[in-house]
Amino acid sequence: MSKHVQYGQYCPLAMSSEFLCTRWTMLVLRELLFGSSQFNDISRGVPRMSRTLLSSRLKELIEVGVLTREEGAGSLVHYRLTNAGKALGPVVMSMAGWGQEWLKIEPSVEDIDVGLLMWDIRRNIKPMPQLPNPFIVEFFLTDVPESKSQHWLISEDDKNDLCHIDHGFDVDVYIKVSAKKLTKVWMGWEDFATAIKDRELIIKGDEKYTRIAVKWLGQSSVAGIKKQPEENRI
């Protein structure tokens, strides 16, 4: 524990804060709790975190006993939460729920992390029997640099992938929207159908796919938590 701030208190909150409250740690735990186990996948969920720092944080989590490192086939390394690590799930989700309920919206959409937004959508997209296999959705984000504007979500054999390079995909659904509007819809702050009606979100494709888009696209895991009235938010 010498790498972390030490509060010198017997209080369990103080002791757990010594490693949980280091920068990026809770977000790394979020990725692990959401199912990422390989270094590159974890990194894609925290795109603004340096890979060197991520490696350091993973080692620290192993040292404190909430994570294990396992070598799989082909020298692939997997990071697995221990029982103590899995028990942090309610802690992480409780913090996320508090932020969803109490924090103001606008500061969070002033500088959107597009990589995280699309990665979050990728892991929550829901395979449905009405959809083809593979099912490919192209997103064009109108308010970000050109290099970050196009994304392709590929759902195939009950697995979801995200691509930033056009490989000549045969796209089933095309969505054109600003990253800011997509974030608000994704987080449950604004209504999907209203965004379409107002032409702030353009969706094209076979009607049998577009009419159920709100179902297969899904929303953030905290989207169902109701926001406090504007005057109560901090």
Protein backbone atom coordinates (compact mmCIF):
# COMPACT_ATOMS: atom_id res chain seq x y z
CA MET A 1 0.00 0.00 0.00
CA SER A 2 3.03 2.29 0.12
CA LYS A 3 2.31 3.59 -3.41
CA HIS A 4 -0.93 5.20 -2.27
CA VAL A 5 -1.85 8.05 0.03
CA GLN A 6 -2.04 6.66 3.56
CA TYR A 7 -4.53 8.30 5.90
CA GLY A 8 -3.31 6.55 9.01
CA GLN A 9 -6.82 5.75 10.23
CA TYR A 10 -8.38 2.47 11.29
CA CYS A 11 -11.64 3.51 9.56
CA PRO A 12 -12.47 1.01 6.76
CA LEU A 13 -13.50 3.92 4.52
CA ALA A 14 -10.07 5.49 4.93
CA MET A 15 -8.29 2.20 4.29
CA SER A 16 -10.27 1.36 1.14
CA SER A 17 -9.93 4.94 -0.11
CA GLU A 18 -6.15 4.54 -0.05
CA PHE A 19 -6.31 2.51 -3.27
CA LEU A 20 -9.83 3.10 -4.62
CA CYS A 21 -9.45 6.87 -4.80
CA THR A 22 -6.27 7.00 -6.86
CA ARG A 23 -6.78 8.59 -10.26
CA TRP A 24 -8.47 6.35 -12.90
CA THR A 25 -8.83 3.38 -10.52
CA MET A 26 -12.64 3.48 -10.34
CA LEU A 27 -12.89 3.76 -14.11
CA VAL A 28 -10.57 0.80 -14.60
CA LEU A 29 -12.76 -1.16 -12.19
CA ARG A 30 -15.82 -0.10 -14.20
CA GLU A 31 -14.32 -1.65 -17.33
CA LEU A 32 -13.44 -4.87 -15.54
CA LEU A 33 -16.92 -5.09 -13.99
CA PHE A 34 -18.48 -4.56 -17.43
CA GLY A 35 -16.62 -7.58 -18.76
CA SER A 36 -13.36 -6.34 -20.27
CA SER A 37 -10.49 -8.65 -19.36
CA GLN A 38 -7.74 -7.97 -21.92
CA PHE A 39 -5.45 -4.96 -21.70
CA ASN A 40 -6.46 -3.46 -25.05
CA ASP A 41 -10.18 -3.72 -24.27
CA ILE A 42 -9.72 -2.11 -20.87
CA SER A 43 -7.67 0.64 -22.51
CA ARG A 44 -10.43 1.34 -25.05
CA GLY A 45 -12.78 2.05 -22.16
CA VAL A 46 -10.37 4.63 -20.70
CA PRO A 47 -8.98 6.14 -23.93
CA ARG A 48 -7.51 9.23 -22.26
CA MET A 49 -5.50 7.17 -19.78
CA SER A 50 -1.93 6.42 -20.81
CA ARG A 51 -1.16 2.77 -21.35
CA THR A 52 1.78 3.07 -18.96
CA LEU A 53 -0.47 4.34 -16.18
CA LEU A 54 -3.06 1.65 -16.94
CA SER A 55 -0.39 -1.02 -16.62
CA SER A 56 0.63 0.48 -13.28
CA ARG A 57 -2.94 0.57 -11.99
CA LEU A 58 -3.56 -3.05 -12.97
CA LYS A 59 -0.43 -4.13 -11.09
CA GLU A 60 -1.58 -2.20 -8.03
CA LEU A 61 -5.02 -3.82 -8.14
CA ILE A 62 -3.35 -7.22 -8.29
CA GLU A 63 -1.16 -6.29 -5.30
CA VAL A 64 -4.15 -5.32 -3.13
CA GLY A 65 -6.01 -8.51 -4.05
CA VAL A 66 -8.95 -7.35 -6.17
CA LEU A 67 -7.52 -8.61 -9.45
CA THR A 68 -5.59 -11.59 -10.80
CA ARG A 69 -3.47 -11.91 -13.94
CA GLU A 70 -3.92 -15.07 -16.00
CA GLU A 71 -2.07 -16.15 -19.12
CA GLY A 72 -4.28 -17.80 -21.70
CA ALA A 73 -3.77 -19.46 -25.08
CA GLY A 74 -1.36 -17.73 -27.42
CA SER A 75 0.19 -15.75 -24.56
CA LEU A 76 -3.01 -13.69 -24.21
CA VAL A 77 -3.20 -12.14 -20.76
CA HIS A 78 -6.54 -11.86 -18.97
CA TYR A 79 -7.26 -9.79 -15.90
CA ARG A 80 -9.93 -11.30 -13.65
CA LEU A 81 -11.66 -9.78 -10.67
CA THR A 82 -11.34 -11.75 -7.44
CA ASN A 83 -14.34 -12.15 -5.16
CA ALA A 84 -13.19 -9.00 -3.37
CA GLY A 85 -13.04 -7.20 -6.73
CA LYS A 86 -16.50 -8.37 -7.78
CA ALA A 87 -17.85 -7.12 -4.46
CA LEU A 88 -16.89 -3.60 -5.58
CA GLY A 89 -19.66 -3.72 -8.22
CA PRO A 90 -22.29 -2.05 -6.00
CA VAL A 91 -19.73 0.58 -4.95
CA VAL A 92 -18.94 1.53 -8.55
CA MET A 93 -22.60 1.51 -9.63
CA SER A 94 -23.64 3.50 -6.57
CA MET A 95 -21.15 6.24 -7.46
CA ALA A 96 -22.34 6.21 -11.08
CA GLY A 97 -25.97 6.38 -9.95
CA TRP A 98 -25.26 9.33 -7.66
CA GLY A 99 -23.59 11.20 -10.52
CA GLN A 100 -26.49 10.42 -12.86
CA GLU A 101 -29.01 11.75 -10.34
CA TRP A 102 -27.25 14.78 -8.90
CA LEU A 103 -24.68 16.19 -11.34
CA LYS A 104 -25.45 18.81 -13.97
CA ILE A 105 -25.61 17.67 -17.58
CA GLU A 106 -23.88 20.42 -19.53
CA PRO A 107 -20.36 20.14 -18.03
CA SER A 108 -20.24 16.48 -19.08
CA VAL A 109 -21.03 17.24 -22.74
CA GLU A 110 -18.65 20.16 -23.19
CA ASP A 111 -15.71 17.89 -24.08
CA ILE A 112 -17.13 14.49 -24.98
CA ASP A 113 -14.84 11.49 -24.99
CA VAL A 114 -16.09 10.03 -28.29
CA GLY A 115 -14.00 6.88 -27.87
CA LEU A 116 -15.68 6.08 -24.57
CA LEU A 117 -19.16 6.96 -25.88
CA MET A 118 -18.90 4.56 -28.81
CA TRP A 119 -17.22 1.85 -26.73
CA ASP A 120 -20.01 2.11 -24.17
CA ILE A 121 -22.64 1.82 -26.90
CA ARG A 122 -20.75 -1.14 -28.38
CA ARG A 123 -20.87 -3.16 -25.19
CA ASN A 124 -24.57 -2.46 -24.59
CA ILE A 125 -26.00 -3.04 -28.07
CA LYS A 126 -28.52 -5.87 -27.86
CA PRO A 127 -28.61 -8.73 -30.39
CA MET A 128 -32.21 -9.42 -31.45
CA PRO A 129 -33.69 -12.25 -33.54
CA GLN A 130 -35.16 -9.68 -35.98
CA LEU A 131 -31.68 -8.47 -36.93
CA PRO A 132 -29.42 -10.00 -39.59
CA ASN A 133 -26.14 -11.68 -38.74
CA PRO A 134 -23.90 -9.76 -39.01
CA PHE A 135 -25.73 -6.55 -38.22
CA ILE A 136 -23.76 -3.40 -39.06
CA VAL A 137 -24.55 0.15 -37.96
CA GLU A 138 -22.64 3.17 -39.22
CA PHE A 139 -22.53 6.29 -37.04
CA PHE A 140 -21.58 9.69 -38.43
CA LEU A 141 -20.98 12.25 -35.69
CA THR A 142 -21.40 15.78 -36.96
CA ASP A 143 -19.67 17.84 -34.28
CA VAL A 144 -16.28 16.16 -33.86
CA PRO A 145 -13.06 16.21 -35.92
CA GLU A 146 -13.26 14.23 -39.17
CA SER A 147 -10.84 11.62 -37.83
CA LYS A 148 -13.34 10.75 -35.06
CA SER A 149 -16.60 11.20 -36.95
CA GLN A 150 -17.20 7.71 -38.39
CA HIS A 151 -17.73 4.54 -36.40
CA TRP A 152 -19.06 1.12 -37.36
CA LEU A 153 -20.72 -1.20 -34.86
CA ILE A 154 -20.67 -4.84 -35.90
CA SER A 155 -22.86 -7.33 -34.09
CA GLU A 156 -22.11 -10.89 -35.21
CA ASP A 157 -22.64 -14.26 -33.54
CA ASP A 158 -23.75 -12.57 -30.30
CA LYS A 159 -20.52 -10.57 -30.15
CA ASN A 160 -20.16 -6.83 -30.65
CA ASP A 161 -17.18 -5.05 -32.16
CA LEU A 162 -16.32 -1.45 -32.96
CA CYS A 163 -14.39 -0.26 -36.00
CA HIS A 164 -13.08 3.19 -36.94
CA ILE A 165 -11.90 2.29 -40.44
CA ASP A 166 -14.22 1.83 -43.42
CA HIS A 167 -13.68 -1.66 -44.80
CA GLY A 168 -16.47 -1.31 -47.31
CA PHE A 169 -19.08 -2.59 -44.90
CA ASP A 170 -22.55 -3.47 -46.16
CA VAL A 171 -24.32 -1.20 -43.68
CA ASP A 172 -27.79 -2.12 -42.41
CA VAL A 173 -28.52 1.10 -40.51
CA TYR A 174 -26.99 4.56 -40.83
CA ILE A 175 -27.22 7.10 -37.99
CA LYS A 176 -26.24 10.75 -38.33
CA VAL A 177 -26.21 12.77 -35.13
CA SER A 178 -24.02 15.09 -33.10
CA ALA A 179 -21.92 13.46 -30.37
CA LYS A 180 -23.55 15.83 -27.90
CA LYS A 181 -27.09 14.77 -28.85
CA LEU A 182 -26.13 11.09 -28.97
CA THR A 183 -24.67 11.36 -25.47
CA LYS A 184 -27.84 12.94 -24.12
CA VAL A 185 -30.01 10.25 -25.71
CA TRP A 186 -27.68 7.47 -24.62
CA MET A 187 -27.63 8.68 -21.02
CA GLY A 188 -31.41 8.96 -20.91
CA TRP A 189 -31.36 12.74 -20.57
CA GLU A 190 -33.32 13.19 -23.80
CA ASP A 191 -35.80 11.04 -25.69
CA PHE A 192 -34.70 8.96 -28.71
CA ALA A 193 -37.99 9.36 -30.58
CA THR A 194 -38.04 13.11 -29.98
CA ALA A 195 -34.52 13.47 -31.37
CA ILE A 196 -35.68 11.68 -34.54
CA LYS A 197 -38.86 13.76 -34.79
CA ASP A 198 -36.86 16.99 -34.44
CA ARG A 199 -34.43 15.79 -37.14
CA GLU A 200 -31.55 16.04 -34.67
CA LEU A 201 -30.94 12.33 -35.13
CA ILE A 202 -31.21 10.94 -38.66
CA ILE A 203 -31.63 7.19 -38.97
CA LYS A 204 -31.77 5.36 -42.30
CA GLY A 205 -32.17 1.71 -43.19
CA ASP A 206 -34.78 -0.98 -43.57
CA GLU A 207 -37.85 0.05 -41.59
CA LYS A 208 -37.98 -3.31 -39.83
CA TYR A 209 -34.62 -2.44 -38.26
CA THR A 210 -35.06 1.29 -37.68
CA ARG A 211 -38.44 1.00 -35.96
CA ILE A 212 -36.89 -1.12 -33.19
CA ALA A 213 -33.65 0.90 -32.99
CA VAL A 214 -34.37 2.11 -29.48
CA LYS A 215 -34.46 -1.56 -28.38
CA TRP A 216 -31.26 -2.86 -30.00
CA LEU A 217 -29.31 0.34 -29.39
CA GLY A 218 -30.18 0.36 -25.72
CA GLN A 219 -28.99 2.98 -23.26
CA SER A 220 -26.39 3.50 -20.57
CA SER A 221 -26.66 1.26 -17.52
CA VAL A 222 -27.66 4.31 -15.44
CA ALA A 223 -30.10 5.82 -17.94
CA GLY A 224 -33.09 4.71 -15.90
CA ILE A 225 -32.07 6.81 -12.90
CA LYS A 226 -34.13 9.99 -12.81
CA LYS A 227 -32.32 13.32 -12.69
CA GLN A 228 -32.93 15.70 -9.82
CA PRO A 229 -34.65 18.96 -10.80
CA GLU A 230 -32.22 21.44 -12.35
CA GLU A 231 -32.19 23.66 -9.26
CA ASN A 232 -31.02 20.76 -7.07
CA ARG A 233 -28.14 19.61 -9.25
CA ILE A 234 -24.55 20.44 -8.45
